[in-house]
Amino acid sequence: MDLKFPDLSMTDEELKAKYEDSIEPYSIVTPKVRYSNKAYRKMEEMDDEYMRLNRDRGPFDERVPHPEPLKSMLLGGVSTHTITDKNRDLLVELCNAALHKYIADTQGANFVFVELIRANRQLVNGFMYYITFDAIDATANCNDSAAAAHTTFQAKVCRCIRNEPPIRVIMCQIKPN
């Protein structure tokens, strides 16, 4: 692979003539020149808009997707993790681990997972998942409709690459109103 570096002696005008209409984003900063082509400026505008739209959203909130899905992980940290048949088993496993910790910490009701609502994730040493899900109290009287109602939980769970244990529940709580 032959890497080619730009001629650092090129002027703004020369860079513009050579790169301005390229479909590939191009940017260079030297002691004398700071230049970005149209494709690079458009990419920065998309990134800025993505950041603006997600600025006031918490990690459990629904995210506005970036036009380039992989970029959302790099830019804003937390991105929407679409629930599919392929990842559902993992997400349910993470929810069950979170409920197990919640029950152990609170020594409260015996909640049982019911349904995934939303999942977001963040690239860390693996992935940090921010999952919203419903559970029911398994010890509640089935005839008591209030007790059988779904309770919505939020869990922050790390599926780590190099750490033991591979699944680490950071927190699990009943979703605040």
C-alpha atoms as a PDB file:
ATOM      1  CA  MET A   1       0.000   0.000   0.000  1.00  0.00           C
ATOM      2  CA  ASP A   2       1.470   3.289  -1.086  1.00  0.00           C
ATOM      3  CA  LEU A   3       0.359   6.198   1.090  1.00  0.00           C
ATOM      4  CA  LYS A   4       0.487   9.551  -0.631  1.00  0.00           C
ATOM      5  CA  PHE A   5       0.671  12.675   1.438  1.00  0.00           C
ATOM      6  CA  PRO A   6      -0.475  15.990  -0.003  1.00  0.00           C
ATOM      7  CA  ASP A   7       2.053  18.527  -1.076  1.00  0.00           C
ATOM      8  CA  LEU A   8       2.240  20.729   2.008  1.00  0.00           C
ATOM      9  CA  SER A   9       3.282  23.675  -0.113  1.00  0.00           C
ATOM     10  CA  MET A  10      -0.098  23.816  -1.918  1.00  0.00           C
ATOM     11  CA  THR A  11      -2.129  26.986  -1.449  1.00  0.00           C
ATOM     12  CA  ASP A  12      -5.855  27.195  -0.608  1.00  0.00           C
ATOM     13  CA  GLU A  13      -6.607  27.870  -4.261  1.00  0.00           C
ATOM     14  CA  GLU A  14      -4.579  24.880  -5.471  1.00  0.00           C
ATOM     15  CA  LEU A  15      -6.232  22.573  -2.915  1.00  0.00           C
ATOM     16  CA  LYS A  16      -9.670  23.869  -3.904  1.00  0.00           C
ATOM     17  CA  ALA A  17      -8.961  23.291  -7.592  1.00  0.00           C
ATOM     18  CA  LYS A  18      -7.767  19.754  -6.918  1.00  0.00           C
ATOM     19  CA  TYR A  19     -10.200  18.524  -4.216  1.00  0.00           C
ATOM     20  CA  GLU A  20     -13.296  20.760  -3.976  1.00  0.00           C
ATOM     21  CA  ASP A  21     -15.623  18.621  -6.114  1.00  0.00           C
ATOM     22  CA  SER A  22     -14.319  15.233  -5.017  1.00  0.00           C
ATOM     23  CA  ILE A  23     -16.987  12.902  -3.611  1.00  0.00           C
ATOM     24  CA  GLU A  24     -14.503  11.788  -0.943  1.00  0.00           C
ATOM     25  CA  PRO A  25     -14.280  14.017   2.158  1.00  0.00           C
ATOM     26  CA  TYR A  26     -10.909  15.732   2.286  1.00  0.00           C
ATOM     27  CA  SER A  27      -9.434  18.061   4.873  1.00  0.00           C
ATOM     28  CA  ILE A  28      -5.940  19.280   5.623  1.00  0.00           C
ATOM     29  CA  VAL A  29      -4.471  21.589   8.240  1.00  0.00           C
ATOM     30  CA  THR A  30      -0.918  22.829   7.966  1.00  0.00           C
ATOM     31  CA  PRO A  31       0.844  25.763   9.588  1.00  0.00           C
ATOM     32  CA  LYS A  32      -0.071  27.824   6.497  1.00  0.00           C
ATOM     33  CA  VAL A  33      -3.334  26.297   5.213  1.00  0.00           C
ATOM     34  CA  ARG A  34      -6.633  25.062   6.599  1.00  0.00           C
ATOM     35  CA  TYR A  35      -8.841  23.506   3.917  1.00  0.00           C
ATOM     36  CA  SER A  36     -11.883  21.195   3.748  1.00  0.00           C
ATOM     37  CA  ASN A  37     -13.685  20.243   0.538  1.00  0.00           C
ATOM     38  CA  LYS A  38     -17.479  20.254  -0.035  1.00  0.00           C
ATOM     39  CA  ALA A  39     -17.881  16.583   0.866  1.00  0.00           C
ATOM     40  CA  TYR A  40     -16.012  17.113   4.142  1.00  0.00           C
ATOM     41  CA  ARG A  41     -18.052  20.211   5.024  1.00  0.00           C
ATOM     42  CA  LYS A  42     -21.291  18.325   4.270  1.00  0.00           C
ATOM     43  CA  MET A  43     -20.138  15.478   6.506  1.00  0.00           C
ATOM     44  CA  GLU A  44     -19.413  17.961   9.315  1.00  0.00           C
ATOM     45  CA  GLU A  45     -22.878  19.532   8.874  1.00  0.00           C
ATOM     46  CA  MET A  46     -24.528  16.089   9.204  1.00  0.00           C
ATOM     47  CA  ASP A  47     -22.450  15.367  12.313  1.00  0.00           C
ATOM     48  CA  ASP A  48     -23.343  18.730  13.857  1.00  0.00           C
ATOM     49  CA  GLU A  49     -27.056  18.191  13.147  1.00  0.00           C
ATOM     50  CA  TYR A  50     -26.929  14.710  14.698  1.00  0.00           C
ATOM     51  CA  MET A  51     -25.246  16.105  17.808  1.00  0.00           C
ATOM     52  CA  ARG A  52     -27.750  18.979  18.042  1.00  0.00           C
ATOM     53  CA  LEU A  53     -30.765  16.673  17.756  1.00  0.00           C
ATOM     54  CA  ASN A  54     -29.456  14.295  20.448  1.00  0.00           C
ATOM     55  CA  ARG A  55     -27.902  16.873  22.787  1.00  0.00           C
ATOM     56  CA  ASP A  56     -30.691  16.888  25.378  1.00  0.00           C
ATOM     57  CA  ARG A  57     -31.517  13.193  25.220  1.00  0.00           C
ATOM     58  CA  GLY A  58     -30.501  10.844  28.000  1.00  0.00           C
ATOM     59  CA  PRO A  59     -28.936   7.438  27.315  1.00  0.00           C
ATOM     60  CA  PHE A  60     -32.287   5.661  27.791  1.00  0.00           C
ATOM     61  CA  ASP A  61     -34.207   8.038  25.497  1.00  0.00           C
ATOM     62  CA  GLU A  62     -35.036   7.340  21.882  1.00  0.00           C
ATOM     63  CA  ARG A  63     -32.171   8.580  19.713  1.00  0.00           C
ATOM     64  CA  VAL A  64     -32.324  10.378  16.379  1.00  0.00           C
ATOM     65  CA  PRO A  65     -30.259   8.136  14.086  1.00  0.00           C
ATOM     66  CA  HIS A  66     -27.204   9.380  12.228  1.00  0.00           C
ATOM     67  CA  PRO A  67     -27.405   8.959   8.429  1.00  0.00           C
ATOM     68  CA  GLU A  68     -24.287   6.784   8.756  1.00  0.00           C
ATOM     69  CA  PRO A  69     -25.115   4.326  11.589  1.00  0.00           C
ATOM     70  CA  LEU A  70     -21.521   3.486  12.595  1.00  0.00           C
ATOM     71  CA  LYS A  71     -20.718   7.160  12.975  1.00  0.00           C
ATOM     72  CA  SER A  72     -23.337   7.664  15.685  1.00  0.00           C
ATOM     73  CA  MET A  73     -21.326   5.424  18.004  1.00  0.00           C
ATOM     74  CA  LEU A  74     -18.213   7.485  17.451  1.00  0.00           C
ATOM     75  CA  LEU A  75     -19.826  10.924  17.658  1.00  0.00           C
ATOM     76  CA  GLY A  76     -22.402  10.901  20.397  1.00  0.00           C
ATOM     77  CA  GLY A  77     -21.428   7.814  22.242  1.00  0.00           C
ATOM     78  CA  VAL A  78     -24.931   6.405  22.651  1.00  0.00           C
ATOM     79  CA  SER A  79     -26.836   5.183  19.620  1.00  0.00           C
ATOM     80  CA  THR A  80     -30.090   3.337  18.976  1.00  0.00           C
ATOM     81  CA  HIS A  81     -29.715  -0.426  19.029  1.00  0.00           C
ATOM     82  CA  THR A  82     -32.565  -1.754  16.933  1.00  0.00           C
ATOM     83  CA  ILE A  83     -34.158  -4.829  18.504  1.00  0.00           C
ATOM     84  CA  THR A  84     -34.095  -7.704  16.003  1.00  0.00           C
ATOM     85  CA  ASP A  85     -34.525 -11.474  16.108  1.00  0.00           C
ATOM     86  CA  LYS A  86     -30.750 -11.726  15.886  1.00  0.00           C
ATOM     87  CA  ASN A  87     -29.986  -9.676  19.036  1.00  0.00           C
ATOM     88  CA  ARG A  88     -33.167 -10.298  21.054  1.00  0.00           C
ATOM     89  CA  ASP A  89     -31.718 -13.269  23.006  1.00  0.00           C
ATOM     90  CA  LEU A  90     -28.700 -11.228  24.106  1.00  0.00           C
ATOM     91  CA  LEU A  91     -30.865  -8.278  25.176  1.00  0.00           C
ATOM     92  CA  VAL A  92     -33.212 -10.561  27.139  1.00  0.00           C
ATOM     93  CA  GLU A  93     -30.172 -12.145  28.827  1.00  0.00           C
ATOM     94  CA  LEU A  94     -28.943  -8.664  29.820  1.00  0.00           C
ATOM     95  CA  CYS A  95     -32.418  -7.749  31.151  1.00  0.00           C
ATOM     96  CA  ASN A  96     -32.580 -10.935  33.223  1.00  0.00           C
ATOM     97  CA  ALA A  97     -29.122 -10.233  34.671  1.00  0.00           C
ATOM     98  CA  ALA A  98     -30.261  -6.709  35.552  1.00  0.00           C
ATOM     99  CA  LEU A  99     -33.468  -7.966  37.196  1.00  0.00           C
ATOM    100  CA  HIS A 100     -31.468 -10.540  39.179  1.00  0.00           C
ATOM    101  CA  LYS A 101     -29.254  -7.734  40.533  1.00  0.00           C
ATOM    102  CA  TYR A 102     -32.277  -5.502  41.222  1.00  0.00           C
ATOM    103  CA  ILE A 103     -33.988  -8.255  43.230  1.00  0.00           C
ATOM    104  CA  ALA A 104     -30.774  -9.032  45.148  1.00  0.00           C
ATOM    105  CA  ASP A 105     -30.116  -5.347  45.928  1.00  0.00           C
ATOM    106  CA  THR A 106     -33.667  -4.453  46.966  1.00  0.00           C
ATOM    107  CA  GLN A 107     -34.740  -7.844  48.357  1.00  0.00           C
ATOM    108  CA  GLY A 108     -38.099  -6.875  46.935  1.00  0.00           C
ATOM    109  CA  ALA A 109     -40.592  -8.430  44.587  1.00  0.00           C
ATOM    110  CA  ASN A 110     -39.614 -11.314  42.358  1.00  0.00           C
ATOM    111  CA  PHE A 111     -39.801  -9.566  38.990  1.00  0.00           C
ATOM    112  CA  VAL A 112     -39.837 -11.591  35.792  1.00  0.00           C
ATOM    113  CA  PHE A 113     -38.913 -10.185  32.390  1.00  0.00           C
ATOM    114  CA  VAL A 114     -41.863  -9.649  29.999  1.00  0.00           C
ATOM    115  CA  GLU A 115     -40.964  -7.405  27.060  1.00  0.00           C
ATOM    116  CA  LEU A 116     -38.216  -5.274  25.525  1.00  0.00           C
ATOM    117  CA  ILE A 117     -39.199  -1.660  24.910  1.00  0.00           C
ATOM    118  CA  ARG A 118     -36.022   0.043  23.695  1.00  0.00           C
ATOM    119  CA  ALA A 119     -32.284  -0.514  23.611  1.00  0.00           C
ATOM    120  CA  ASN A 120     -29.448   1.925  23.070  1.00  0.00           C
ATOM    121  CA  ARG A 121     -25.762   1.148  23.207  1.00  0.00           C
ATOM    122  CA  GLN A 122     -22.400   2.820  23.528  1.00  0.00           C
ATOM    123  CA  LEU A 123     -19.033   1.560  22.367  1.00  0.00           C
ATOM    124  CA  VAL A 124     -16.776   1.035  25.392  1.00  0.00           C
ATOM    125  CA  ASN A 125     -14.611  -1.984  26.285  1.00  0.00           C
ATOM    126  CA  GLY A 126     -17.317  -3.952  24.520  1.00  0.00           C
ATOM    127  CA  PHE A 127     -20.764  -2.337  24.577  1.00  0.00           C
ATOM    128  CA  MET A 128     -22.655  -0.498  27.285  1.00  0.00           C
ATOM    129  CA  TYR A 129     -26.358  -1.192  26.839  1.00  0.00           C
ATOM    130  CA  TYR A 130     -29.103   1.147  28.050  1.00  0.00           C
ATOM    131  CA  ILE A 131     -32.210  -1.019  28.004  1.00  0.00           C
ATOM    132  CA  THR A 132     -35.803  -0.145  28.824  1.00  0.00           C
ATOM    133  CA  PHE A 133     -38.032  -3.165  29.437  1.00  0.00           C
ATOM    134  CA  ASP A 134     -41.169  -4.377  31.208  1.00  0.00           C
ATOM    135  CA  ALA A 135     -41.384  -6.967  33.966  1.00  0.00           C
ATOM    136  CA  ILE A 136     -44.097  -8.287  36.261  1.00  0.00           C
ATOM    137  CA  ASP A 137     -44.036  -9.338  39.904  1.00  0.00           C
ATOM    138  CA  ALA A 138     -44.188 -13.144  39.770  1.00  0.00           C
ATOM    139  CA  THR A 139     -45.256 -13.338  43.406  1.00  0.00           C
ATOM    140  CA  ALA A 140     -48.287 -11.094  42.887  1.00  0.00           C
ATOM    141  CA  ASN A 141     -51.764 -12.539  42.993  1.00  0.00           C
ATOM    142  CA  CYS A 142     -52.823 -13.121  39.372  1.00  0.00           C
ATOM    143  CA  ASN A 143     -56.368 -11.994  40.243  1.00  0.00           C
ATOM    144  CA  ASP A 144     -55.052  -8.615  41.423  1.00  0.00           C
ATOM    145  CA  SER A 145     -54.840  -6.558  38.209  1.00  0.00           C
ATOM    146  CA  ALA A 146     -52.805  -3.797  39.911  1.00  0.00           C
ATOM    147  CA  ALA A 147     -50.201  -6.286  41.095  1.00  0.00           C
ATOM    148  CA  ALA A 148     -50.105  -8.028  37.697  1.00  0.00           C
ATOM    149  CA  ALA A 149     -49.476  -4.745  35.876  1.00  0.00           C
ATOM    150  CA  HIS A 150     -46.217  -4.355  34.017  1.00  0.00           C
ATOM    151  CA  THR A 151     -43.469  -2.370  35.691  1.00  0.00           C
ATOM    152  CA  THR A 152     -41.053  -0.554  33.392  1.00  0.00           C
ATOM    153  CA  PHE A 153     -37.355  -0.847  34.231  1.00  0.00           C
ATOM    154  CA  GLN A 154     -34.199   0.830  32.957  1.00  0.00           C
ATOM    155  CA  ALA A 155     -30.922  -1.064  33.074  1.00  0.00           C
ATOM    156  CA  LYS A 156     -27.367  -0.085  32.254  1.00  0.00           C
ATOM    157  CA  VAL A 157     -25.431  -3.245  31.480  1.00  0.00           C
ATOM    158  CA  CYS A 158     -21.915  -3.678  30.100  1.00  0.00           C
ATOM    159  CA  ARG A 159     -21.107  -6.611  27.871  1.00  0.00           C
ATOM    160  CA  CYS A 160     -17.365  -6.442  28.236  1.00  0.00           C
ATOM    161  CA  ILE A 161     -14.740  -7.881  25.943  1.00  0.00           C
ATOM    162  CA  ARG A 162     -11.786  -8.331  28.275  1.00  0.00           C
ATOM    163  CA  ASN A 163     -13.258  -8.106  31.757  1.00  0.00           C
ATOM    164  CA  GLU A 164     -14.608 -10.767  34.051  1.00  0.00           C
ATOM    165  CA  PRO A 165     -17.488 -11.205  34.343  1.00  0.00           C
ATOM    166  CA  PRO A 166     -18.363 -10.633  30.678  1.00  0.00           C
ATOM    167  CA  ILE A 167     -21.762  -9.187  31.669  1.00  0.00           C
ATOM    168  CA  ARG A 168     -21.666  -6.476  34.322  1.00  0.00           C
ATOM    169  CA  VAL A 169     -24.845  -4.805  35.559  1.00  0.00           C
ATOM    170  CA  ILE A 170     -24.032  -1.200  36.386  1.00  0.00           C
ATOM    171  CA  MET A 171     -27.553  -0.297  37.498  1.00  0.00           C
ATOM    172  CA  CYS A 172     -31.161  -1.388  37.280  1.00  0.00           C
ATOM    173  CA  GLN A 173     -34.070   0.723  38.457  1.00  0.00           C
ATOM    174  CA  ILE A 174     -37.778   1.161  38.039  1.00  0.00           C
ATOM    175  CA  LYS A 175     -38.137   3.842  35.384  1.00  0.00           C
ATOM    176  CA  PRO A 176     -38.752   7.230  36.973  1.00  0.00           C
ATOM    177  CA  ASN A 177     -41.929   8.991  35.838  1.00  0.00           C
END
